[in-house]
Amino acid sequence: MTIPEKRRPHPLVELYGEFPDRLRGDRWQPAADVFETDHEVIVRFEVAGVRGGDLKVNVEGSVLRLRGVRRTPPSGPIDRLQQMEISFGPFEREIAIQSVFDSEGVRARLEDGFLEVRIPKKSPERRRLEIESE
């Protein structure tokens, strides 16, 4: 019986470690929670280390789009990298909003590393129809 040979990981994995699932191509995606109340949809993004001036939020149709950049903090020279899990650089995240909402009333607030976007729901419009008769 032979003992299976242990496969070495790819050289980049040895150097940088396993990349988080949120890294896609040259951009990473911040984690997001989406929940709703009777009156609004709330989207919370995890954006620790990102300055407010480096964030852009917009609404196009039923899609909420967050774009920004997390800048690499200044550091001294590195002799050896032991582990790398925090993503830096540009990011983009799109969330499809399932409810009818008022795009003019959307608000965003950055606090303690979380960006919270509040999206007010629109009440269904009701109108009374006149009944035509001959």
N, C-alpha and C. Protein backbone atom coordinates (compact mmCIF):
# COMPACT_ATOMS: atom_id res chain seq x y z
N MET A 1 0.84 -1.17 0.00
CA MET A 1 0.00 0.00 0.00
C MET A 1 0.89 1.24 0.00
N THR A 2 0.60 2.12 -0.92
CA THR A 2 1.40 3.34 -1.01
C THR A 2 0.66 4.50 -0.38
N ILE A 3 1.43 5.37 0.17
CA ILE A 3 0.86 6.59 0.76
C ILE A 3 0.73 7.62 -0.34
N PRO A 4 -0.47 8.20 -0.51
CA PRO A 4 -0.63 9.17 -1.59
C PRO A 4 0.26 10.38 -1.35
N GLU A 5 0.83 10.83 -2.45
CA GLU A 5 1.70 12.00 -2.39
C GLU A 5 0.85 13.25 -2.18
N LYS A 6 1.29 14.09 -1.28
CA LYS A 6 0.56 15.34 -1.02
C LYS A 6 0.84 16.32 -2.16
N ARG A 7 -0.25 16.78 -2.78
CA ARG A 7 -0.09 17.73 -3.88
C ARG A 7 0.21 19.11 -3.34
N ARG A 8 1.12 19.75 -3.98
CA ARG A 8 1.44 21.13 -3.61
C ARG A 8 0.42 22.06 -4.22
N PRO A 9 0.01 23.09 -3.48
CA PRO A 9 -0.93 24.06 -4.06
C PRO A 9 -0.26 24.88 -5.16
N HIS A 10 -1.08 25.52 -5.92
CA HIS A 10 -0.60 26.41 -6.97
C HIS A 10 0.36 27.44 -6.34
N PRO A 11 1.43 27.83 -7.04
CA PRO A 11 2.40 28.77 -6.45
C PRO A 11 1.78 30.08 -5.96
N LEU A 12 0.77 30.59 -6.65
CA LEU A 12 0.14 31.83 -6.18
C LEU A 12 -0.60 31.61 -4.87
N VAL A 13 -1.20 30.42 -4.71
CA VAL A 13 -1.89 30.11 -3.46
C VAL A 13 -0.86 30.04 -2.33
N GLU A 14 0.31 29.45 -2.62
CA GLU A 14 1.37 29.42 -1.61
C GLU A 14 1.78 30.83 -1.21
N LEU A 15 1.85 31.72 -2.18
CA LEU A 15 2.31 33.08 -1.92
C LEU A 15 1.24 33.92 -1.23
N TYR A 16 0.02 33.88 -1.74
CA TYR A 16 -1.02 34.79 -1.27
C TYR A 16 -2.10 34.13 -0.40
N GLY A 17 -2.18 32.82 -0.38
CA GLY A 17 -3.25 32.15 0.34
C GLY A 17 -4.47 32.02 -0.56
N GLU A 18 -5.50 31.33 -0.05
CA GLU A 18 -6.73 31.18 -0.81
C GLU A 18 -7.44 32.52 -0.88
N PHE A 19 -7.90 32.89 -2.06
CA PHE A 19 -8.62 34.15 -2.20
C PHE A 19 -10.04 33.99 -1.71
N PRO A 20 -10.60 35.03 -1.09
CA PRO A 20 -11.99 34.94 -0.66
C PRO A 20 -12.93 34.79 -1.86
N ASP A 21 -14.09 34.18 -1.61
CA ASP A 21 -15.09 34.02 -2.67
C ASP A 21 -15.53 35.35 -3.24
N ARG A 22 -15.37 36.42 -2.46
CA ARG A 22 -15.87 37.72 -2.91
C ARG A 22 -14.97 38.38 -3.94
N LEU A 23 -13.81 37.79 -4.26
CA LEU A 23 -12.92 38.37 -5.25
C LEU A 23 -13.29 37.84 -6.62
N ARG A 24 -13.63 38.73 -7.52
CA ARG A 24 -14.04 38.34 -8.86
C ARG A 24 -13.23 39.13 -9.87
N GLY A 25 -12.32 38.47 -10.56
CA GLY A 25 -11.51 39.17 -11.56
C GLY A 25 -10.65 40.21 -10.89
N ASP A 26 -10.71 41.43 -11.39
CA ASP A 26 -9.90 42.49 -10.82
C ASP A 26 -10.68 43.33 -9.80
N ARG A 27 -11.87 42.91 -9.42
CA ARG A 27 -12.69 43.64 -8.45
C ARG A 27 -13.17 42.67 -7.39
N TRP A 28 -13.36 43.20 -6.20
CA TRP A 28 -13.93 42.39 -5.12
C TRP A 28 -15.34 42.89 -4.87
N GLN A 29 -16.12 42.11 -4.15
CA GLN A 29 -17.51 42.47 -3.86
C GLN A 29 -17.71 42.50 -2.35
N PRO A 30 -18.17 43.63 -1.82
CA PRO A 30 -18.46 43.66 -0.38
C PRO A 30 -19.68 42.80 -0.07
N ALA A 31 -19.66 42.19 1.11
CA ALA A 31 -20.80 41.40 1.56
C ALA A 31 -22.00 42.32 1.76
N ALA A 32 -23.20 41.80 1.55
CA ALA A 32 -24.42 42.61 1.68
C ALA A 32 -25.52 41.81 2.35
N ASP A 33 -26.31 42.50 3.16
CA ASP A 33 -27.54 41.96 3.73
C ASP A 33 -28.68 42.79 3.17
N VAL A 34 -29.78 42.15 2.80
CA VAL A 34 -30.96 42.84 2.29
C VAL A 34 -32.15 42.37 3.11
N PHE A 35 -32.87 43.31 3.70
CA PHE A 35 -34.07 42.96 4.45
C PHE A 35 -35.07 44.08 4.30
N GLU A 36 -36.31 43.83 4.72
CA GLU A 36 -37.33 44.85 4.55
C GLU A 36 -38.25 44.94 5.74
N THR A 37 -38.84 46.10 5.85
CA THR A 37 -39.87 46.36 6.84
C THR A 37 -41.16 46.64 6.06
N ASP A 38 -42.20 47.02 6.77
CA ASP A 38 -43.44 47.37 6.08
C ASP A 38 -43.27 48.56 5.15
N HIS A 39 -42.33 49.46 5.49
CA HIS A 39 -42.23 50.73 4.76
C HIS A 39 -40.98 50.90 3.91
N GLU A 40 -39.97 50.04 4.09
CA GLU A 40 -38.74 50.23 3.32
C GLU A 40 -37.95 48.94 3.16
N VAL A 41 -37.06 48.96 2.15
CA VAL A 41 -36.08 47.91 1.95
C VAL A 41 -34.75 48.48 2.44
N ILE A 42 -34.01 47.68 3.20
CA ILE A 42 -32.74 48.14 3.75
C ILE A 42 -31.64 47.22 3.22
N VAL A 43 -30.61 47.84 2.65
CA VAL A 43 -29.46 47.10 2.15
C VAL A 43 -28.25 47.55 2.95
N ARG A 44 -27.56 46.60 3.57
CA ARG A 44 -26.39 46.94 4.39
C ARG A 44 -25.17 46.27 3.77
N PHE A 45 -24.16 47.10 3.43
CA PHE A 45 -22.91 46.61 2.84
C PHE A 45 -21.80 46.67 3.88
N GLU A 46 -20.94 45.68 3.90
CA GLU A 46 -19.77 45.68 4.76
C GLU A 46 -18.61 46.31 3.98
N VAL A 47 -18.22 47.52 4.39
CA VAL A 47 -17.18 48.26 3.66
C VAL A 47 -16.13 48.83 4.63
N ALA A 48 -15.68 48.01 5.55
CA ALA A 48 -14.68 48.46 6.53
C ALA A 48 -13.46 49.02 5.82
N GLY A 49 -12.98 50.15 6.31
CA GLY A 49 -11.78 50.76 5.76
C GLY A 49 -12.01 51.61 4.52
N VAL A 50 -13.25 51.76 4.08
CA VAL A 50 -13.55 52.57 2.90
C VAL A 50 -14.06 53.93 3.37
N ARG A 51 -13.48 54.99 2.81
CA ARG A 51 -13.92 56.35 3.15
C ARG A 51 -15.17 56.71 2.36
N GLY A 52 -16.00 57.55 2.96
CA GLY A 52 -17.24 57.97 2.31
C GLY A 52 -17.00 58.59 0.95
N GLY A 53 -15.92 59.33 0.80
CA GLY A 53 -15.61 59.97 -0.48
C GLY A 53 -15.23 58.98 -1.56
N ASP A 54 -14.94 57.74 -1.17
CA ASP A 54 -14.56 56.71 -2.14
C ASP A 54 -15.73 55.79 -2.51
N LEU A 55 -16.95 56.17 -2.10
CA LEU A 55 -18.15 55.38 -2.39
C LEU A 55 -19.08 56.13 -3.32
N LYS A 56 -19.73 55.40 -4.21
CA LYS A 56 -20.77 55.96 -5.08
C LYS A 56 -21.95 55.00 -5.07
N VAL A 57 -23.14 55.52 -4.79
CA VAL A 57 -24.36 54.72 -4.79
C VAL A 57 -25.31 55.33 -5.79
N ASN A 58 -25.89 54.50 -6.64
CA ASN A 58 -26.94 55.01 -7.52
C ASN A 58 -27.99 53.95 -7.76
N VAL A 59 -29.12 54.41 -8.25
CA VAL A 59 -30.25 53.53 -8.54
C VAL A 59 -30.56 53.68 -10.02
N GLU A 60 -30.59 52.55 -10.72
CA GLU A 60 -30.96 52.54 -12.14
C GLU A 60 -32.07 51.53 -12.30
N GLY A 61 -33.28 52.01 -12.56
CA GLY A 61 -34.43 51.10 -12.65
C GLY A 61 -34.66 50.45 -11.31
N SER A 62 -34.61 49.13 -11.25
CA SER A 62 -34.83 48.42 -9.99
C SER A 62 -33.51 47.91 -9.38
N VAL A 63 -32.38 48.43 -9.87
CA VAL A 63 -31.07 47.95 -9.41
C VAL A 63 -30.36 49.03 -8.59
N LEU A 64 -29.92 48.63 -7.41
CA LEU A 64 -29.09 49.47 -6.55
C LEU A 64 -27.65 49.10 -6.85
N ARG A 65 -26.81 50.08 -7.19
CA ARG A 65 -25.42 49.81 -7.54
C ARG A 65 -24.49 50.57 -6.60
N LEU A 66 -23.54 49.84 -6.02
CA LEU A 66 -22.52 50.43 -5.16
C LEU A 66 -21.18 50.24 -5.85
N ARG A 67 -20.43 51.32 -5.96
CA ARG A 67 -19.08 51.28 -6.53
C ARG A 67 -18.16 52.02 -5.58
N GLY A 68 -16.92 51.63 -5.58
CA GLY A 68 -15.97 52.33 -4.74
C GLY A 68 -14.59 51.71 -4.81
N VAL A 69 -13.77 52.13 -3.87
CA VAL A 69 -12.40 51.62 -3.79
C VAL A 69 -11.98 51.58 -2.33
N ARG A 70 -11.34 50.48 -1.94
CA ARG A 70 -10.71 50.41 -0.62
C ARG A 70 -9.22 50.52 -0.88
N ARG A 71 -8.65 51.58 -0.35
CA ARG A 71 -7.23 51.86 -0.58
C ARG A 71 -6.36 51.05 0.39
N THR A 72 -5.22 50.63 -0.10
CA THR A 72 -4.27 49.90 0.72
C THR A 72 -3.69 50.84 1.77
N PRO A 73 -3.74 50.45 3.05
CA PRO A 73 -3.18 51.33 4.07
C PRO A 73 -1.67 51.40 3.94
N PRO A 74 -1.08 52.54 4.31
CA PRO A 74 0.37 52.65 4.22
C PRO A 74 1.04 51.65 5.17
N SER A 75 2.13 51.06 4.73
CA SER A 75 2.87 50.14 5.58
C SER A 75 4.34 50.21 5.22
N GLY A 76 5.15 49.69 6.09
CA GLY A 76 6.58 49.64 5.82
C GLY A 76 6.90 48.48 4.90
N PRO A 77 8.17 48.26 4.68
CA PRO A 77 8.57 47.15 3.80
C PRO A 77 8.17 45.80 4.41
N ILE A 78 7.79 44.87 3.55
CA ILE A 78 7.38 43.53 3.98
C ILE A 78 8.44 42.54 3.53
N ASP A 79 8.98 41.79 4.47
CA ASP A 79 9.99 40.79 4.14
C ASP A 79 9.36 39.49 3.66
N ARG A 80 8.27 39.11 4.32
CA ARG A 80 7.63 37.85 3.97
C ARG A 80 6.12 37.97 4.24
N LEU A 81 5.34 37.61 3.27
CA LEU A 81 3.89 37.63 3.42
C LEU A 81 3.44 36.29 3.98
N GLN A 82 2.73 36.31 5.12
CA GLN A 82 2.29 35.07 5.73
C GLN A 82 0.83 34.74 5.42
N GLN A 83 0.01 35.76 5.30
CA GLN A 83 -1.41 35.52 5.02
C GLN A 83 -1.98 36.79 4.43
N MET A 84 -2.88 36.64 3.45
CA MET A 84 -3.50 37.80 2.80
C MET A 84 -4.96 37.48 2.54
N GLU A 85 -5.87 38.10 3.28
CA GLU A 85 -7.29 37.84 3.13
C GLU A 85 -8.10 39.09 2.82
N ILE A 86 -7.61 40.25 3.18
CA ILE A 86 -8.36 41.49 3.00
C ILE A 86 -8.17 41.98 1.58
N SER A 87 -9.28 42.22 0.90
CA SER A 87 -9.23 42.69 -0.49
C SER A 87 -9.15 44.21 -0.52
N PHE A 88 -8.33 44.71 -1.42
CA PHE A 88 -8.19 46.14 -1.63
C PHE A 88 -8.41 46.43 -3.11
N GLY A 89 -8.60 47.70 -3.41
CA GLY A 89 -8.79 48.10 -4.79
C GLY A 89 -10.25 48.40 -5.08
N PRO A 90 -10.58 48.48 -6.37
CA PRO A 90 -11.95 48.84 -6.75
C PRO A 90 -12.92 47.70 -6.48
N PHE A 91 -14.17 48.08 -6.24
CA PHE A 91 -15.22 47.09 -6.05
C PHE A 91 -16.51 47.59 -6.64
N GLU A 92 -17.41 46.67 -6.90
CA GLU A 92 -18.74 46.99 -7.43
C GLU A 92 -19.69 45.90 -6.97
N ARG A 93 -20.89 46.31 -6.60
CA ARG A 93 -21.92 45.35 -6.19
C ARG A 93 -23.26 45.86 -6.66
N GLU A 94 -24.06 44.99 -7.26
CA GLU A 94 -25.40 45.33 -7.71
C GLU A 94 -26.39 44.47 -6.96
N ILE A 95 -27.47 45.09 -6.50
CA ILE A 95 -28.53 44.39 -5.81
C ILE A 95 -29.85 44.72 -6.52
N ALA A 96 -30.57 43.71 -6.96
CA ALA A 96 -31.89 43.92 -7.57
C ALA A 96 -32.91 44.06 -6.44
N ILE A 97 -33.65 45.15 -6.46
CA ILE A 97 -34.67 45.41 -5.45
C ILE A 97 -35.99 44.85 -5.97
N GLN A 98 -36.61 43.98 -5.18
CA GLN A 98 -37.80 43.26 -5.62
C GLN A 98 -39.10 44.04 -5.40
N SER A 99 -39.06 45.10 -4.60
CA SER A 99 -40.27 45.87 -4.31
C SER A 99 -40.32 47.12 -5.17
N VAL A 100 -41.53 47.63 -5.37
CA VAL A 100 -41.69 48.92 -6.04
C VAL A 100 -41.29 49.98 -5.03
N PHE A 101 -40.41 50.92 -5.43
CA PHE A 101 -39.90 51.88 -4.47
C PHE A 101 -39.79 53.28 -5.07
N ASP A 102 -39.60 54.24 -4.18
CA ASP A 102 -39.46 55.64 -4.55
C ASP A 102 -37.97 55.95 -4.68
N SER A 103 -37.46 56.04 -5.91
CA SER A 103 -36.02 56.24 -6.11
C SER A 103 -35.55 57.61 -5.62
N GLU A 104 -36.45 58.58 -5.55
CA GLU A 104 -36.07 59.93 -5.06
C GLU A 104 -35.85 59.94 -3.55
N GLY A 105 -36.41 58.97 -2.83
CA GLY A 105 -36.31 58.97 -1.38
C GLY A 105 -35.20 58.08 -0.83
N VAL A 106 -34.38 57.48 -1.70
CA VAL A 106 -33.31 56.59 -1.24
C VAL A 106 -32.26 57.39 -0.47
N ARG A 107 -31.84 56.85 0.70
CA ARG A 107 -30.83 57.51 1.53
C ARG A 107 -29.72 56.51 1.85
N ALA A 108 -28.50 57.02 2.03
CA ALA A 108 -27.37 56.16 2.38
C ALA A 108 -26.59 56.79 3.52
N ARG A 109 -26.13 55.92 4.45
CA ARG A 109 -25.36 56.40 5.61
C ARG A 109 -24.23 55.42 5.88
N LEU A 110 -23.01 55.96 6.03
CA LEU A 110 -21.83 55.16 6.34
C LEU A 110 -21.51 55.33 7.82
N GLU A 111 -21.46 54.19 8.54
CA GLU A 111 -21.16 54.24 9.97
C GLU A 111 -20.53 52.92 10.41
N ASP A 112 -19.42 53.03 11.12
CA ASP A 112 -18.75 51.86 11.71
C ASP A 112 -18.44 50.76 10.69
N GLY A 113 -18.04 51.13 9.50
CA GLY A 113 -17.66 50.15 8.49
C GLY A 113 -18.80 49.54 7.71
N PHE A 114 -20.01 50.04 7.94
CA PHE A 114 -21.19 49.55 7.20
C PHE A 114 -21.85 50.71 6.48
N LEU A 115 -22.21 50.48 5.23
CA LEU A 115 -23.00 51.44 4.47
C LEU A 115 -24.42 50.92 4.45
N GLU A 116 -25.34 51.71 5.01
CA GLU A 116 -26.74 51.30 5.05
C GLU A 116 -27.52 52.16 4.07
N VAL A 117 -28.19 51.51 3.15
CA VAL A 117 -29.01 52.20 2.14
C VAL A 117 -30.46 51.88 2.45
N ARG A 118 -31.24 52.94 2.66
CA ARG A 118 -32.68 52.78 2.97
C ARG A 118 -33.48 53.21 1.76
N ILE A 119 -34.35 52.30 1.33
CA ILE A 119 -35.12 52.48 0.10
C ILE A 119 -36.60 52.46 0.46
N PRO A 120 -37.27 53.62 0.41
CA PRO A 120 -38.69 53.64 0.79
C PRO A 120 -39.57 52.94 -0.26
N LYS A 121 -40.46 52.09 0.25
CA LYS A 121 -41.41 51.41 -0.65
C LYS A 121 -42.50 52.39 -1.06
N LYS A 122 -43.00 52.17 -2.26
CA LYS A 122 -44.16 52.92 -2.73
C LYS A 122 -45.41 52.17 -2.36
N SER A 123 -46.39 52.90 -1.90
CA SER A 123 -47.69 52.28 -1.63
C SER A 123 -48.36 52.00 -2.97
N PRO A 124 -49.04 50.88 -3.07
CA PRO A 124 -49.74 50.63 -4.32
C PRO A 124 -50.77 51.73 -4.56
N GLU A 125 -50.75 52.23 -5.78
CA GLU A 125 -51.70 53.29 -6.10
C GLU A 125 -53.08 52.69 -6.29
N ARG A 126 -54.04 53.35 -5.69
CA ARG A 126 -55.42 52.92 -5.85
C ARG A 126 -56.19 54.06 -6.48
N ARG A 127 -57.05 53.71 -7.34
CA ARG A 127 -57.92 54.72 -7.91
C ARG A 127 -59.29 54.12 -8.12
N ARG A 128 -60.23 54.96 -8.01
CA ARG A 128 -61.60 54.50 -8.18
C ARG A 128 -61.99 54.69 -9.63
N LEU A 129 -62.53 53.65 -10.21
CA LEU A 129 -62.92 53.71 -11.61
C LEU A 129 -64.39 54.08 -11.73
N GLU A 130 -64.63 54.95 -12.67
CA GLU A 130 -66.02 55.29 -12.98
C GLU A 130 -66.57 54.19 -13.88
N ILE A 131 -67.75 53.78 -13.62
CA ILE A 131 -68.38 52.73 -14.41
C ILE A 131 -69.22 53.39 -15.51
N GLU A 132 -68.88 53.01 -16.71
CA GLU A 132 -69.63 53.56 -17.84
C GLU A 132 -70.86 52.71 -18.08
N SER A 133 -71.94 53.38 -18.42
CA SER A 133 -73.16 52.65 -18.76
C SER A 133 -73.85 53.37 -19.90
N GLU A 134 -74.71 52.66 -20.59
CA GLU A 134 -75.44 53.25 -21.72
C GLU A 134 -76.74 53.83 -21.30
